[in-house]
Amino acid sequence: MDETLLRRLDRDREVRLEGRSAVLRRATAEYLRRSSARRIAEAYRRAYGASAGLGTDFSGWEAEGAWPEN
């Protein structure tokens, strides 16, 4: 890791209180969570984004569903 970035990190109050490793673990976990969410969202976009409606297997059934009235 870049020395300048480490110095900036070490000046942070949270890092001084909890330690560099704890903050880097949380940052890494958050990065991995967001990265996973982006991959899942992209997979959904690829799978469902290009298709219109329910596809040919369910053609004609679009109007059959009904929402309950409150």
Protein backbone atom coordinates (compact mmCIF):
# COMPACT_ATOMS: atom_id res chain seq x y z
CA MET A 1 0.00 0.00 0.00
CA ASP A 2 1.18 3.49 -0.82
CA GLU A 3 3.00 5.17 2.13
CA THR A 4 1.09 8.43 1.69
CA LEU A 5 -2.20 6.60 1.87
CA LEU A 6 -1.08 4.72 4.99
CA ARG A 7 -0.10 7.99 6.69
CA ARG A 8 -3.49 9.48 5.87
CA LEU A 9 -5.18 6.33 7.17
CA ASP A 10 -3.17 6.40 10.39
CA ARG A 11 -4.23 10.01 11.08
CA ASP A 12 -7.90 9.00 11.07
CA ARG A 13 -9.56 9.01 14.50
CA GLU A 14 -11.32 5.67 13.98
CA VAL A 15 -8.08 4.02 12.91
CA ARG A 16 -6.28 5.37 15.99
CA LEU A 17 -9.05 4.04 18.26
CA GLU A 18 -9.64 0.64 16.68
CA GLY A 19 -6.44 -0.04 14.81
CA ARG A 20 -5.53 -0.14 11.17
CA SER A 21 -6.23 -3.86 10.78
CA ALA A 22 -9.78 -3.59 12.15
CA VAL A 23 -10.62 -0.72 9.81
CA LEU A 24 -9.05 -2.48 6.81
CA ARG A 25 -10.96 -5.68 7.61
CA ARG A 26 -14.26 -3.76 7.68
CA ALA A 27 -13.38 -1.91 4.48
CA THR A 28 -12.47 -5.16 2.76
CA ALA A 29 -15.67 -6.88 3.92
CA GLU A 30 -17.74 -3.93 2.69
CA TYR A 31 -15.94 -3.92 -0.66
CA LEU A 32 -16.58 -7.65 -1.11
CA ARG A 33 -20.26 -7.24 -0.14
CA ARG A 34 -20.74 -4.44 -2.68
CA SER A 35 -18.81 -6.31 -5.35
CA SER A 36 -21.01 -9.37 -4.86
CA ALA A 37 -24.17 -7.25 -4.98
CA ARG A 38 -23.00 -5.64 -8.25
CA ARG A 39 -22.30 -9.05 -9.80
CA ILE A 40 -25.73 -10.35 -8.74
CA ALA A 41 -27.48 -7.22 -10.04
CA GLU A 42 -25.62 -7.49 -13.34
CA ALA A 43 -26.57 -11.17 -13.65
CA TYR A 44 -30.24 -10.23 -13.14
CA ARG A 45 -29.95 -7.45 -15.75
CA ARG A 46 -28.42 -9.86 -18.25
CA ALA A 47 -30.99 -12.57 -17.51
CA TYR A 48 -34.13 -10.46 -17.41
CA GLY A 49 -33.25 -7.10 -18.94
CA ALA A 50 -33.41 -8.06 -22.59
CA SER A 51 -36.58 -10.13 -22.43
CA ALA A 52 -39.98 -8.58 -22.82
CA GLY A 53 -42.87 -9.93 -20.84
CA LEU A 54 -43.06 -13.55 -19.76
CA GLY A 55 -41.60 -15.09 -22.89
CA THR A 56 -43.17 -17.49 -25.36
CA ASP A 57 -43.84 -20.25 -22.78
CA PHE A 58 -46.33 -18.00 -20.98
CA SER A 59 -47.63 -16.05 -23.93
CA GLY A 60 -51.21 -14.89 -23.40
CA TRP A 61 -51.13 -15.19 -19.59
CA GLU A 62 -49.97 -11.61 -18.87
CA ALA A 63 -53.52 -10.34 -18.29
CA GLU A 64 -54.61 -13.29 -16.13
CA GLY A 65 -53.06 -12.11 -12.86
CA ALA A 66 -54.97 -9.85 -10.51
CA TRP A 67 -53.90 -7.78 -7.52
CA PRO A 68 -56.05 -8.01 -4.40
CA GLU A 69 -57.98 -4.87 -3.55
CA ASN A 70 -57.27 -3.32 -0.16
